[in-house]
Amino acid sequence: MDCNKAVEQRLNGLNDLDEFRLKAYESSNIYKEKMKKYHDLKVEKREFSVRHLVLLFNSKLRLFSVKFKSKWTGSFLITYVFSHRAVELENKEGAKFSVNEQQIKIYLGHAESVHEVVEAY
């Protein structure tokens, strides 16, 4: 039994494992980049501007087991759009508050109801 051969085989095996690990890491990075590009293509861009009517997500409804109640409330008017993805909303009573863009979505009601809400402001 030759110790030098055994040491050399062991080092070659470790080098092969290291190369295999690096190739696997590179291929997983390539896969992640491709999936991110695909996902970004499919994500709908949301642009909010002043005078848009939006609905606000009510996160407190998660505590209750209400199946058929909508988690989206209101129709709120956007009065100001901040540069850091936040917006200022105004309710029907005229109270203003700021929320993150992720908590709102565009109000897609009937045209008659939109005009009624806009006139209320």
PDB file of N, CA and C in Angstrom:
ATOM      1  N   MET A   1       0.848  -1.167   0.000  1.00  0.00           N
ATOM      2  CA  MET A   1       0.000   0.000   0.000  1.00  0.00           C
ATOM      3  C   MET A   1       0.896   1.233   0.000  1.00  0.00           C
ATOM      4  N   ASP A   2       0.658   2.093  -0.923  1.00  0.00           N
ATOM      5  CA  ASP A   2       1.467   3.295  -1.067  1.00  0.00           C
ATOM      6  C   ASP A   2       0.687   4.482  -0.503  1.00  0.00           C
ATOM      7  N   CYS A   3       1.225   5.133   0.500  1.00  0.00           N
ATOM      8  CA  CYS A   3       0.547   6.264   1.144  1.00  0.00           C
ATOM      9  C   CYS A   3       0.468   7.468   0.217  1.00  0.00           C
ATOM     10  N   ASN A   4       1.510   7.697  -0.582  1.00  0.00           N
ATOM     11  CA  ASN A   4       1.498   8.852  -1.484  1.00  0.00           C
ATOM     12  C   ASN A   4       0.376   8.743  -2.521  1.00  0.00           C
ATOM     13  N   LYS A   5       0.131   7.512  -3.044  1.00  0.00           N
ATOM     14  CA  LYS A   5      -0.956   7.322  -3.997  1.00  0.00           C
ATOM     15  C   LYS A   5      -2.312   7.568  -3.339  1.00  0.00           C
ATOM     16  N   ALA A   6      -2.468   7.093  -2.134  1.00  0.00           N
ATOM     17  CA  ALA A   6      -3.728   7.277  -1.417  1.00  0.00           C
ATOM     18  C   ALA A   6      -3.992   8.762  -1.151  1.00  0.00           C
ATOM     19  N   VAL A   7      -2.947   9.501  -0.751  1.00  0.00           N
ATOM     20  CA  VAL A   7      -3.088  10.937  -0.495  1.00  0.00           C
ATOM     21  C   VAL A   7      -3.431  11.662  -1.787  1.00  0.00           C
ATOM     22  N   GLU A   8      -2.766  11.287  -2.886  1.00  0.00           N
ATOM     23  CA  GLU A   8      -3.013  11.923  -4.179  1.00  0.00           C
ATOM     24  C   GLU A   8      -4.434  11.654  -4.670  1.00  0.00           C
ATOM     25  N   GLN A   9      -4.917  10.414  -4.508  1.00  0.00           N
ATOM     26  CA  GLN A   9      -6.287  10.085  -4.901  1.00  0.00           C
ATOM     27  C   GLN A   9      -7.300  10.869  -4.064  1.00  0.00           C
ATOM     28  N   ARG A  10      -6.998  10.970  -2.786  1.00  0.00           N
ATOM     29  CA  ARG A  10      -7.906  11.708  -1.889  1.00  0.00           C
ATOM     30  C   ARG A  10      -7.971  13.179  -2.293  1.00  0.00           C
ATOM     31  N   LEU A  11      -6.830  13.805  -2.601  1.00  0.00           N
ATOM     32  CA  LEU A  11      -6.806  15.201  -3.009  1.00  0.00           C
ATOM     33  C   LEU A  11      -7.526  15.400  -4.354  1.00  0.00           C
ATOM     34  N   ASN A  12      -7.327  14.472  -5.295  1.00  0.00           N
ATOM     35  CA  ASN A  12      -8.020  14.558  -6.582  1.00  0.00           C
ATOM     36  C   ASN A  12      -9.538  14.443  -6.398  1.00  0.00           C
ATOM     37  N   GLY A  13      -9.944  13.537  -5.514  1.00  0.00           N
ATOM     38  CA  GLY A  13     -11.375  13.397  -5.227  1.00  0.00           C
ATOM     39  C   GLY A  13     -11.959  14.664  -4.618  1.00  0.00           C
ATOM     40  N   LEU A  14     -11.224  15.288  -3.694  1.00  0.00           N
ATOM     41  CA  LEU A  14     -11.698  16.535  -3.088  1.00  0.00           C
ATOM     42  C   LEU A  14     -11.762  17.667  -4.115  1.00  0.00           C
ATOM     43  N   ASN A  15     -10.771  17.712  -5.018  1.00  0.00           N
ATOM     44  CA  ASN A  15     -10.792  18.730  -6.064  1.00  0.00           C
ATOM     45  C   ASN A  15     -11.975  18.532  -7.010  1.00  0.00           C
ATOM     46  N   ASP A  16     -12.260  17.275  -7.347  1.00  0.00           N
ATOM     47  CA  ASP A  16     -13.407  16.989  -8.207  1.00  0.00           C
ATOM     48  C   ASP A  16     -14.715  17.416  -7.534  1.00  0.00           C
ATOM     49  N   LEU A  17     -14.837  17.118  -6.241  1.00  0.00           N
ATOM     50  CA  LEU A  17     -16.037  17.547  -5.512  1.00  0.00           C
ATOM     51  C   LEU A  17     -16.170  19.063  -5.481  1.00  0.00           C
ATOM     52  N   ASP A  18     -15.051  19.768  -5.296  1.00  0.00           N
ATOM     53  CA  ASP A  18     -15.064  21.227  -5.274  1.00  0.00           C
ATOM     54  C   ASP A  18     -15.498  21.788  -6.634  1.00  0.00           C
ATOM     55  N   GLU A  19     -14.976  21.214  -7.731  1.00  0.00           N
ATOM     56  CA  GLU A  19     -15.364  21.649  -9.067  1.00  0.00           C
ATOM     57  C   GLU A  19     -16.855  21.388  -9.313  1.00  0.00           C
ATOM     58  N   PHE A  20     -17.330  20.219  -8.890  1.00  0.00           N
ATOM     59  CA  PHE A  20     -18.749  19.891  -9.041  1.00  0.00           C
ATOM     60  C   PHE A  20     -19.625  20.870  -8.279  1.00  0.00           C
ATOM     61  N   ARG A  21     -19.201  21.238  -7.067  1.00  0.00           N
ATOM     62  CA  ARG A  21     -19.957  22.190  -6.256  1.00  0.00           C
ATOM     63  C   ARG A  21     -20.009  23.559  -6.923  1.00  0.00           C
ATOM     64  N   LEU A  22     -18.883  24.011  -7.485  1.00  0.00           N
ATOM     65  CA  LEU A  22     -18.854  25.303  -8.160  1.00  0.00           C
ATOM     66  C   LEU A  22     -19.746  25.310  -9.403  1.00  0.00           C
ATOM     67  N   LYS A  23     -19.759  24.219 -10.171  1.00  0.00           N
ATOM     68  CA  LYS A  23     -20.626  24.137 -11.349  1.00  0.00           C
ATOM     69  C   LYS A  23     -22.097  24.160 -10.939  1.00  0.00           C
ATOM     70  N   ALA A  24     -22.418  23.447  -9.870  1.00  0.00           N
ATOM     71  CA  ALA A  24     -23.801  23.438  -9.386  1.00  0.00           C
ATOM     72  C   ALA A  24     -24.213  24.833  -8.922  1.00  0.00           C
ATOM     73  N   TYR A  25     -23.323  25.550  -8.252  1.00  0.00           N
ATOM     74  CA  TYR A  25     -23.600  26.907  -7.782  1.00  0.00           C
ATOM     75  C   TYR A  25     -23.833  27.835  -8.965  1.00  0.00           C
ATOM     76  N   GLU A  26     -22.994  27.736 -10.004  1.00  0.00           N
ATOM     77  CA  GLU A  26     -23.145  28.583 -11.185  1.00  0.00           C
ATOM     78  C   GLU A  26     -24.449  28.281 -11.919  1.00  0.00           C
ATOM     79  N   SER A  27     -24.780  27.020 -12.059  1.00  0.00           N
ATOM     80  CA  SER A  27     -26.011  26.672 -12.770  1.00  0.00           C
ATOM     81  C   SER A  27     -27.246  27.116 -11.977  1.00  0.00           C
ATOM     82  N   SER A  28     -27.193  27.050 -10.661  1.00  0.00           N
ATOM     83  CA  SER A  28     -28.337  27.518  -9.873  1.00  0.00           C
ATOM     84  C   SER A  28     -28.474  29.034  -9.974  1.00  0.00           C
ATOM     85  N   ASN A  29     -27.352  29.756 -10.037  1.00  0.00           N
ATOM     86  CA  ASN A  29     -27.423  31.207 -10.219  1.00  0.00           C
ATOM     87  C   ASN A  29     -28.016  31.564 -11.576  1.00  0.00           C
ATOM     88  N   ILE A  30     -27.619  30.841 -12.612  1.00  0.00           N
ATOM     89  CA  ILE A  30     -28.166  31.085 -13.948  1.00  0.00           C
ATOM     90  C   ILE A  30     -29.668  30.821 -13.955  1.00  0.00           C
ATOM     91  N   TYR A  31     -30.085  29.735 -13.322  1.00  0.00           N
ATOM     92  CA  TYR A  31     -31.507  29.406 -13.236  1.00  0.00           C
ATOM     93  C   TYR A  31     -32.271  30.499 -12.499  1.00  0.00           C
ATOM     94  N   LYS A  32     -31.740  30.971 -11.383  1.00  0.00           N
ATOM     95  CA  LYS A  32     -32.411  32.020 -10.614  1.00  0.00           C
ATOM     96  C   LYS A  32     -32.543  33.306 -11.414  1.00  0.00           C
ATOM     97  N   GLU A  33     -31.504  33.675 -12.157  1.00  0.00           N
ATOM     98  CA  GLU A  33     -31.561  34.882 -12.970  1.00  0.00           C
ATOM     99  C   GLU A  33     -32.623  34.765 -14.060  1.00  0.00           C
ATOM    100  N   LYS A  34     -32.700  33.595 -14.719  1.00  0.00           N
ATOM    101  CA  LYS A  34     -33.701  33.394 -15.755  1.00  0.00           C
ATOM    102  C   LYS A  34     -35.112  33.448 -15.174  1.00  0.00           C
ATOM    103  N   MET A  35     -35.306  32.824 -14.024  1.00  0.00           N
ATOM    104  CA  MET A  35     -36.627  32.837 -13.398  1.00  0.00           C
ATOM    105  C   MET A  35     -37.015  34.242 -12.943  1.00  0.00           C
ATOM    106  N   LYS A  36     -36.054  35.027 -12.474  1.00  0.00           N
ATOM    107  CA  LYS A  36     -36.337  36.402 -12.070  1.00  0.00           C
ATOM    108  C   LYS A  36     -36.754  37.242 -13.273  1.00  0.00           C
ATOM    109  N   LYS A  37     -36.063  37.073 -14.413  1.00  0.00           N
ATOM    110  CA  LYS A  37     -36.440  37.801 -15.632  1.00  0.00           C
ATOM    111  C   LYS A  37     -37.847  37.418 -16.075  1.00  0.00           C
ATOM    112  N   TYR A  38     -38.147  36.122 -16.041  1.00  0.00           N
ATOM    113  CA  TYR A  38     -39.474  35.653 -16.435  1.00  0.00           C
ATOM    114  C   TYR A  38     -40.540  36.225 -15.506  1.00  0.00           C
ATOM    115  N   HIS A  39     -40.280  36.198 -14.216  1.00  0.00           N
ATOM    116  CA  HIS A  39     -41.236  36.717 -13.243  1.00  0.00           C
ATOM    117  C   HIS A  39     -41.457  38.209 -13.438  1.00  0.00           C
ATOM    118  N   ASP A  40     -40.372  38.958 -13.657  1.00  0.00           N
ATOM    119  CA  ASP A  40     -40.486  40.401 -13.836  1.00  0.00           C
ATOM    120  C   ASP A  40     -41.269  40.754 -15.094  1.00  0.00           C
ATOM    121  N   LEU A  41     -41.198  39.906 -16.126  1.00  0.00           N
ATOM    122  CA  LEU A  41     -41.984  40.150 -17.329  1.00  0.00           C
ATOM    123  C   LEU A  41     -43.480  39.965 -17.069  1.00  0.00           C
ATOM    124  N   LYS A  42     -43.807  39.018 -16.196  1.00  0.00           N
ATOM    125  CA  LYS A  42     -45.208  38.703 -15.935  1.00  0.00           C
ATOM    126  C   LYS A  42     -45.850  39.622 -14.892  1.00  0.00           C
ATOM    127  N   VAL A  43     -45.059  40.321 -14.091  1.00  0.00           N
ATOM    128  CA  VAL A  43     -45.609  41.190 -13.054  1.00  0.00           C
ATOM    129  C   VAL A  43     -46.182  42.434 -13.709  1.00  0.00           C
ATOM    130  N   GLU A  44     -47.396  42.756 -13.331  1.00  0.00           N
ATOM    131  CA  GLU A  44     -48.061  43.916 -13.898  1.00  0.00           C
ATOM    132  C   GLU A  44     -47.560  45.191 -13.224  1.00  0.00           C
ATOM    133  N   LYS A  45     -47.169  46.141 -14.023  1.00  0.00           N
ATOM    134  CA  LYS A  45     -46.681  47.414 -13.488  1.00  0.00           C
ATOM    135  C   LYS A  45     -47.891  48.240 -13.044  1.00  0.00           C
ATOM    136  N   ARG A  46     -47.812  48.764 -11.839  1.00  0.00           N
ATOM    137  CA  ARG A  46     -48.907  49.567 -11.314  1.00  0.00           C
ATOM    138  C   ARG A  46     -48.442  51.009 -11.174  1.00  0.00           C
ATOM    139  N   GLU A  47     -49.119  51.894 -11.862  1.00  0.00           N
ATOM    140  CA  GLU A  47     -48.810  53.312 -11.806  1.00  0.00           C
ATOM    141  C   GLU A  47     -49.984  54.025 -11.145  1.00  0.00           C
ATOM    142  N   PHE A  48     -49.705  54.760 -10.099  1.00  0.00           N
ATOM    143  CA  PHE A  48     -50.733  55.527  -9.421  1.00  0.00           C
ATOM    144  C   PHE A  48     -50.454  57.007  -9.635  1.00  0.00           C
ATOM    145  N   SER A  49     -51.515  57.762  -9.833  1.00  0.00           N
ATOM    146  CA  SER A  49     -51.356  59.206  -9.977  1.00  0.00           C
ATOM    147  C   SER A  49     -52.470  59.895  -9.184  1.00  0.00           C
ATOM    148  N   VAL A  50     -52.326  61.179  -9.044  1.00  0.00           N
ATOM    149  CA  VAL A  50     -53.284  61.971  -8.286  1.00  0.00           C
ATOM    150  C   VAL A  50     -54.645  61.891  -8.967  1.00  0.00           C
ATOM    151  N   ARG A  51     -55.708  61.861  -8.184  1.00  0.00           N
ATOM    152  CA  ARG A  51     -57.108  61.792  -8.598  1.00  0.00           C
ATOM    153  C   ARG A  51     -57.547  60.387  -9.015  1.00  0.00           C
ATOM    154  N   HIS A  52     -56.710  59.369  -8.851  1.00  0.00           N
ATOM    155  CA  HIS A  52     -57.147  57.990  -9.072  1.00  0.00           C
ATOM    156  C   HIS A  52     -57.971  57.554  -7.874  1.00  0.00           C
ATOM    157  N   LEU A  53     -58.969  56.740  -8.134  1.00  0.00           N
ATOM    158  CA  LEU A  53     -59.727  56.122  -7.054  1.00  0.00           C
ATOM    159  C   LEU A  53     -59.143  54.737  -6.798  1.00  0.00           C
ATOM    160  N   VAL A  54     -58.930  54.403  -5.521  1.00  0.00           N
ATOM    161  CA  VAL A  54     -58.307  53.136  -5.165  1.00  0.00           C
ATOM    162  C   VAL A  54     -59.067  52.476  -4.027  1.00  0.00           C
ATOM    163  N   LEU A  55     -58.813  51.186  -3.865  1.00  0.00           N
ATOM    164  CA  LEU A  55     -59.321  50.420  -2.730  1.00  0.00           C
ATOM    165  C   LEU A  55     -58.162  50.139  -1.795  1.00  0.00           C
ATOM    166  N   LEU A  56     -58.452  50.066  -0.505  1.00  0.00           N
ATOM    167  CA  LEU A  56     -57.437  49.836   0.517  1.00  0.00           C
ATOM    168  C   LEU A  56     -57.609  48.445   1.106  1.00  0.00           C
ATOM    169  N   PHE A  57     -56.498  47.719   1.251  1.00  0.00           N
ATOM    170  CA  PHE A  57     -56.518  46.369   1.822  1.00  0.00           C
ATOM    171  C   PHE A  57     -56.653  46.462   3.327  1.00  0.00           C
ATOM    172  N   ASN A  58     -57.631  45.758   3.875  1.00  0.00           N
ATOM    173  CA  ASN A  58     -57.880  45.754   5.313  1.00  0.00           C
ATOM    174  C   ASN A  58     -57.251  44.494   5.902  1.00  0.00           C
ATOM    175  N   SER A  59     -56.051  44.620   6.447  1.00  0.00           N
ATOM    176  CA  SER A  59     -55.326  43.457   6.952  1.00  0.00           C
ATOM    177  C   SER A  59     -55.894  42.944   8.268  1.00  0.00           C
ATOM    178  N   LYS A  60     -56.710  43.711   8.953  1.00  0.00           N
ATOM    179  CA  LYS A  60     -57.246  43.274  10.237  1.00  0.00           C
ATOM    180  C   LYS A  60     -58.335  42.221  10.082  1.00  0.00           C
ATOM    181  N   LEU A  61     -58.867  42.063   8.878  1.00  0.00           N
ATOM    182  CA  LEU A  61     -59.902  41.043   8.660  1.00  0.00           C
ATOM    183  C   LEU A  61     -59.346  39.633   8.715  1.00  0.00           C
ATOM    184  N   ARG A  62     -58.049  39.462   8.686  1.00  0.00           N
ATOM    185  CA  ARG A  62     -57.452  38.131   8.746  1.00  0.00           C
ATOM    186  C   ARG A  62     -57.726  37.441  10.073  1.00  0.00           C
ATOM    187  N   LEU A  63     -57.995  38.215  11.095  1.00  0.00           N
ATOM    188  CA  LEU A  63     -58.222  37.640  12.415  1.00  0.00           C
ATOM    189  C   LEU A  63     -59.557  36.900  12.480  1.00  0.00           C
ATOM    190  N   PHE A  64     -60.503  37.311  11.666  1.00  0.00           N
ATOM    191  CA  PHE A  64     -61.828  36.718  11.688  1.00  0.00           C
ATOM    192  C   PHE A  64     -61.953  35.702  10.563  1.00  0.00           C
ATOM    193  N   SER A  65     -62.776  34.718  10.772  1.00  0.00           N
ATOM    194  CA  SER A  65     -62.974  33.715   9.725  1.00  0.00           C
ATOM    195  C   SER A  65     -64.213  34.068   8.911  1.00  0.00           C
ATOM    196  N   VAL A  66     -64.177  35.231   8.290  1.00  0.00           N
ATOM    197  CA  VAL A  66     -65.284  35.679   7.457  1.00  0.00           C
ATOM    198  C   VAL A  66     -64.955  35.307   6.025  1.00  0.00           C
ATOM    199  N   LYS A  67     -65.717  34.349   5.483  1.00  0.00           N
ATOM    200  CA  LYS A  67     -65.377  33.822   4.171  1.00  0.00           C
ATOM    201  C   LYS A  67     -65.762  34.770   3.046  1.00  0.00           C
ATOM    202  N   PHE A  68     -66.941  35.322   3.094  1.00  0.00           N
ATOM    203  CA  PHE A  68     -67.468  36.046   1.950  1.00  0.00           C
ATOM    204  C   PHE A  68     -67.353  37.560   2.078  1.00  0.00           C
ATOM    205  N   LYS A  69     -66.673  38.024   3.083  1.00  0.00           N
ATOM    206  CA  LYS A  69     -66.498  39.469   3.245  1.00  0.00           C
ATOM    207  C   LYS A  69     -65.220  39.892   2.538  1.00  0.00           C
ATOM    208  N   SER A  70     -65.301  40.977   1.787  1.00  0.00           N
ATOM    209  CA  SER A  70     -64.145  41.449   1.032  1.00  0.00           C
ATOM    210  C   SER A  70     -63.118  42.070   1.971  1.00  0.00           C
ATOM    211  N   LYS A  71     -61.848  41.857   1.661  1.00  0.00           N
ATOM    212  CA  LYS A  71     -60.774  42.448   2.455  1.00  0.00           C
ATOM    213  C   LYS A  71     -60.406  43.827   1.938  1.00  0.00           C
ATOM    214  N   TRP A  72     -61.022  44.261   0.832  1.00  0.00           N
ATOM    215  CA  TRP A  72     -60.737  45.575   0.247  1.00  0.00           C
ATOM    216  C   TRP A  72     -61.859  46.524   0.629  1.00  0.00           C
ATOM    217  N   THR A  73     -61.493  47.693   1.152  1.00  0.00           N
ATOM    218  CA  THR A  73     -62.487  48.650   1.624  1.00  0.00           C
ATOM    219  C   THR A  73     -62.383  49.954   0.852  1.00  0.00           C
ATOM    220  N   GLY A  74     -63.469  50.693   0.913  1.00  0.00           N
ATOM    221  CA  GLY A  74     -63.480  52.059   0.472  1.00  0.00           C
ATOM    222  C   GLY A  74     -63.692  52.252  -0.997  1.00  0.00           C
ATOM    223  N   SER A  75     -63.578  53.461  -1.317  1.00  0.00           N
ATOM    224  CA  SER A  75     -62.942  53.978  -2.496  1.00  0.00           C
ATOM    225  C   SER A  75     -62.314  55.248  -1.970  1.00  0.00           C
ATOM    226  N   PHE A  76     -61.029  55.337  -2.116  1.00  0.00           N
ATOM    227  CA  PHE A  76     -60.273  56.469  -1.604  1.00  0.00           C
ATOM    228  C   PHE A  76     -59.671  57.229  -2.776  1.00  0.00           C
ATOM    229  N   LEU A  77     -59.488  58.509  -2.597  1.00  0.00           N
ATOM    230  CA  LEU A  77     -58.928  59.362  -3.623  1.00  0.00           C
ATOM    231  C   LEU A  77     -57.455  59.606  -3.326  1.00  0.00           C
ATOM    232  N   ILE A  78     -56.598  59.430  -4.324  1.00  0.00           N
ATOM    233  CA  ILE A  78     -55.172  59.702  -4.143  1.00  0.00           C
ATOM    234  C   ILE A  78     -54.955  61.199  -4.260  1.00  0.00           C
ATOM    235  N   THR A  79     -54.375  61.802  -3.219  1.00  0.00           N
ATOM    236  CA  THR A  79     -54.126  63.241  -3.240  1.00  0.00           C
ATOM    237  C   THR A  79     -52.663  63.581  -3.485  1.00  0.00           C
ATOM    238  N   TYR A  80     -51.752  62.656  -3.150  1.00  0.00           N
ATOM    239  CA  TYR A  80     -50.331  62.917  -3.376  1.00  0.00           C
ATOM    240  C   TYR A  80     -49.599  61.588  -3.504  1.00  0.00           C
ATOM    241  N   VAL A  81     -48.633  61.519  -4.421  1.00  0.00           N
ATOM    242  CA  VAL A  81     -47.823  60.319  -4.613  1.00  0.00           C
ATOM    243  C   VAL A  81     -46.391  60.664  -4.218  1.00  0.00           C
ATOM    244  N   PHE A  82     -45.892  59.999  -3.188  1.00  0.00           N
ATOM    245  CA  PHE A  82     -44.529  60.224  -2.715  1.00  0.00           C
ATOM    246  C   PHE A  82     -43.537  59.468  -3.599  1.00  0.00           C
ATOM    247  N   SER A  83     -42.274  59.855  -3.553  1.00  0.00           N
ATOM    248  CA  SER A  83     -41.260  59.212  -4.390  1.00  0.00           C
ATOM    249  C   SER A  83     -40.828  57.853  -3.848  1.00  0.00           C
ATOM    250  N   HIS A  84     -41.108  57.555  -2.604  1.00  0.00           N
ATOM    251  CA  HIS A  84     -40.660  56.306  -1.983  1.00  0.00           C
ATOM    252  C   HIS A  84     -41.783  55.267  -1.897  1.00  0.00           C
ATOM    253  N   ARG A  85     -42.610  55.178  -2.956  1.00  0.00           N
ATOM    254  CA  ARG A  85     -43.662  54.175  -3.101  1.00  0.00           C
ATOM    255  C   ARG A  85     -44.717  54.254  -2.004  1.00  0.00           C
ATOM    256  N   ALA A  86     -45.029  55.446  -1.604  1.00  0.00           N
ATOM    257  CA  ALA A  86     -46.116  55.667  -0.663  1.00  0.00           C
ATOM    258  C   ALA A  86     -47.074  56.678  -1.293  1.00  0.00           C
ATOM    259  N   VAL A  87     -48.327  56.629  -0.889  1.00  0.00           N
ATOM    260  CA  VAL A  87     -49.321  57.558  -1.407  1.00  0.00           C
ATOM    261  C   VAL A  87     -50.125  58.137  -0.251  1.00  0.00           C
ATOM    262  N   GLU A  88     -50.659  59.309  -0.478  1.00  0.00           N
ATOM    263  CA  GLU A  88     -51.539  59.937   0.501  1.00  0.00           C
ATOM    264  C   GLU A  88     -52.960  59.790  -0.005  1.00  0.00           C
ATOM    265  N   LEU A  89     -53.828  59.224   0.828  1.00  0.00           N
ATOM    266  CA  LEU A  89     -55.217  58.976   0.460  1.00  0.00           C
ATOM    267  C   LEU A  89     -56.143  59.899   1.233  1.00  0.00           C
ATOM    268  N   GLU A  90     -57.310  60.124   0.636  1.00  0.00           N
ATOM    269  CA  GLU A  90     -58.335  60.933   1.289  1.00  0.00           C
ATOM    270  C   GLU A  90     -59.636  60.160   1.239  1.00  0.00           C
ATOM    271  N   ASN A  91     -60.326  60.066   2.379  1.00  0.00           N
ATOM    272  CA  ASN A  91     -61.600  59.358   2.391  1.00  0.00           C
ATOM    273  C   ASN A  91     -62.739  60.342   2.133  1.00  0.00           C
ATOM    274  N   LYS A  92     -63.974  59.871   2.189  1.00  0.00           N
ATOM    275  CA  LYS A  92     -65.133  60.710   1.858  1.00  0.00           C
ATOM    276  C   LYS A  92     -65.323  61.856   2.835  1.00  0.00           C
ATOM    277  N   GLU A  93     -64.892  61.653   4.073  1.00  0.00           N
ATOM    278  CA  GLU A  93     -65.031  62.708   5.073  1.00  0.00           C
ATOM    279  C   GLU A  93     -63.940  63.762   4.959  1.00  0.00           C
ATOM    280  N   GLY A  94     -62.926  63.528   4.161  1.00  0.00           N
ATOM    281  CA  GLY A  94     -61.852  64.492   3.962  1.00  0.00           C
ATOM    282  C   GLY A  94     -60.610  64.216   4.799  1.00  0.00           C
ATOM    283  N   ALA A  95     -60.600  63.126   5.550  1.00  0.00           N
ATOM    284  CA  ALA A  95     -59.433  62.782   6.363  1.00  0.00           C
ATOM    285  C   ALA A  95     -58.342  62.212   5.460  1.00  0.00           C
ATOM    286  N   LYS A  96     -57.119  62.678   5.647  1.00  0.00           N
ATOM    287  CA  LYS A  96     -55.996  62.230   4.826  1.00  0.00           C
ATOM    288  C   LYS A  96     -55.065  61.337   5.646  1.00  0.00           C
ATOM    289  N   PHE A  97     -54.509  60.325   4.998  1.00  0.00           N
ATOM    290  CA  PHE A  97     -53.547  59.439   5.640  1.00  0.00           C
ATOM    291  C   PHE A  97     -52.652  58.837   4.568  1.00  0.00           C
ATOM    292  N   SER A  98     -51.473  58.375   4.973  1.00  0.00           N
ATOM    293  CA  SER A  98     -50.506  57.811   4.035  1.00  0.00           C
ATOM    294  C   SER A  98     -50.432  56.301   4.192  1.00  0.00           C
ATOM    295  N   VAL A  99     -50.300  55.607   3.071  1.00  0.00           N
ATOM    296  CA  VAL A  99     -50.142  54.154   3.067  1.00  0.00           C
ATOM    297  C   VAL A  99     -49.111  53.767   2.021  1.00  0.00           C
ATOM    298  N   ASN A 100     -48.651  52.534   2.126  1.00  0.00           N
ATOM    299  CA  ASN A 100     -47.725  51.984   1.152  1.00  0.00           C
ATOM    300  C   ASN A 100     -48.492  51.600  -0.111  1.00  0.00           C
ATOM    301  N   GLU A 101     -47.841  51.678  -1.278  1.00  0.00           N
ATOM    302  CA  GLU A 101     -48.475  51.321  -2.549  1.00  0.00           C
ATOM    303  C   GLU A 101     -48.922  49.873  -2.586  1.00  0.00           C
ATOM    304  N   GLN A 102     -48.285  49.008  -1.822  1.00  0.00           N
ATOM    305  CA  GLN A 102     -48.627  47.585  -1.848  1.00  0.00           C
ATOM    306  C   GLN A 102     -49.981  47.306  -1.214  1.00  0.00           C
ATOM    307  N   GLN A 103     -50.517  48.259  -0.459  1.00  0.00           N
ATOM    308  CA  GLN A 103     -51.783  48.041   0.229  1.00  0.00           C
ATOM    309  C   GLN A 103     -52.978  48.568  -0.547  1.00  0.00           C
ATOM    310  N   ILE A 104     -52.772  49.081  -1.763  1.00  0.00           N
ATOM    311  CA  ILE A 104     -53.882  49.629  -2.524  1.00  0.00           C
ATOM    312  C   ILE A 104     -53.933  49.009  -3.912  1.00  0.00           C
ATOM    313  N   LYS A 105     -55.117  49.102  -4.518  1.00  0.00           N
ATOM    314  CA  LYS A 105     -55.279  48.710  -5.914  1.00  0.00           C
ATOM    315  C   LYS A 105     -56.310  49.630  -6.547  1.00  0.00           C
ATOM    316  N   ILE A 106     -56.237  49.759  -7.853  1.00  0.00           N
ATOM    317  CA  ILE A 106     -57.121  50.651  -8.586  1.00  0.00           C
ATOM    318  C   ILE A 106     -58.571  50.197  -8.428  1.00  0.00           C
ATOM    319  N   TYR A 107     -59.462  51.171  -8.245  1.00  0.00           N
ATOM    320  CA  TYR A 107     -60.886  50.899  -8.119  1.00  0.00           C
ATOM    321  C   TYR A 107     -61.477  50.740  -9.512  1.00  0.00           C
ATOM    322  N   LEU A 108     -62.062  49.582  -9.798  1.00  0.00           N
ATOM    323  CA  LEU A 108     -62.622  49.292 -11.114  1.00  0.00           C
ATOM    324  C   LEU A 108     -64.142  49.156 -11.033  1.00  0.00           C
ATOM    325  N   GLY A 109     -64.793  50.144 -10.452  1.00  0.00           N
ATOM    326  CA  GLY A 109     -66.245  50.090 -10.339  1.00  0.00           C
ATOM    327  C   GLY A 109     -66.916  50.564 -11.604  1.00  0.00           C
ATOM    328  N   HIS A 110     -68.228  50.652 -11.562  1.00  0.00           N
ATOM    329  CA  HIS A 110     -68.992  51.145 -12.701  1.00  0.00           C
ATOM    330  C   HIS A 110     -68.749  52.639 -12.875  1.00  0.00           C
ATOM    331  N   ALA A 111     -68.878  53.120 -14.093  1.00  0.00           N
ATOM    332  CA  ALA A 111     -68.605  54.526 -14.388  1.00  0.00           C
ATOM    333  C   ALA A 111     -69.527  55.447 -13.590  1.00  0.00           C
ATOM    334  N   GLU A 112     -70.794  55.051 -13.399  1.00  0.00           N
ATOM    335  CA  GLU A 112     -71.735  55.895 -12.651  1.00  0.00           C
ATOM    336  C   GLU A 112     -71.282  56.057 -11.200  1.00  0.00           C
ATOM    337  N   SER A 113     -70.855  54.947 -10.590  1.00  0.00           N
ATOM    338  CA  SER A 113     -70.454  55.016  -9.188  1.00  0.00           C
ATOM    339  C   SER A 113     -69.153  55.792  -9.028  1.00  0.00           C
ATOM    340  N   VAL A 114     -68.264  55.744 -10.037  1.00  0.00           N
ATOM    341  CA  VAL A 114     -67.024  56.515  -9.965  1.00  0.00           C
ATOM    342  C   VAL A 114     -67.333  57.991  -9.968  1.00  0.00           C
ATOM    343  N   HIS A 115     -68.269  58.435 -10.840  1.00  0.00           N
ATOM    344  CA  HIS A 115     -68.611  59.855 -10.886  1.00  0.00           C
ATOM    345  C   HIS A 115     -69.269  60.307  -9.592  1.00  0.00           C
ATOM    346  N   GLU A 116     -70.091  59.441  -9.001  1.00  0.00           N
ATOM    347  CA  GLU A 116     -70.718  59.786  -7.727  1.00  0.00           C
ATOM    348  C   GLU A 116     -69.665  59.977  -6.647  1.00  0.00           C
ATOM    349  N   VAL A 117     -68.667  59.104  -6.607  1.00  0.00           N
ATOM    350  CA  VAL A 117     -67.630  59.201  -5.577  1.00  0.00           C
ATOM    351  C   VAL A 117     -66.777  60.425  -5.814  1.00  0.00           C
ATOM    352  N   VAL A 118     -66.422  60.724  -7.078  1.00  0.00           N
ATOM    353  CA  VAL A 118     -65.582  61.892  -7.370  1.00  0.00           C
ATOM    354  C   VAL A 118     -66.313  63.161  -7.001  1.00  0.00           C
ATOM    355  N   GLU A 119     -67.623  63.219  -7.273  1.00  0.00           N
ATOM    356  CA  GLU A 119     -68.398  64.411  -6.925  1.00  0.00           C
ATOM    357  C   GLU A 119     -68.468  64.607  -5.423  1.00  0.00           C
ATOM    358  N   ALA A 120     -68.410  63.512  -4.656  1.00  0.00           N
ATOM    359  CA  ALA A 120     -68.459  63.617  -3.198  1.00  0.00           C
ATOM    360  C   ALA A 120     -67.208  64.277  -2.659  1.00  0.00           C
ATOM    361  N   TYR A 121     -66.093  64.189  -3.386  1.00  0.00           N
ATOM    362  CA  TYR A 121     -64.864  64.820  -2.943  1.00  0.00           C
ATOM    363  C   TYR A 121     -64.897  66.244  -3.376  1.00  0.00           C
TER     364      TYR A 121
END
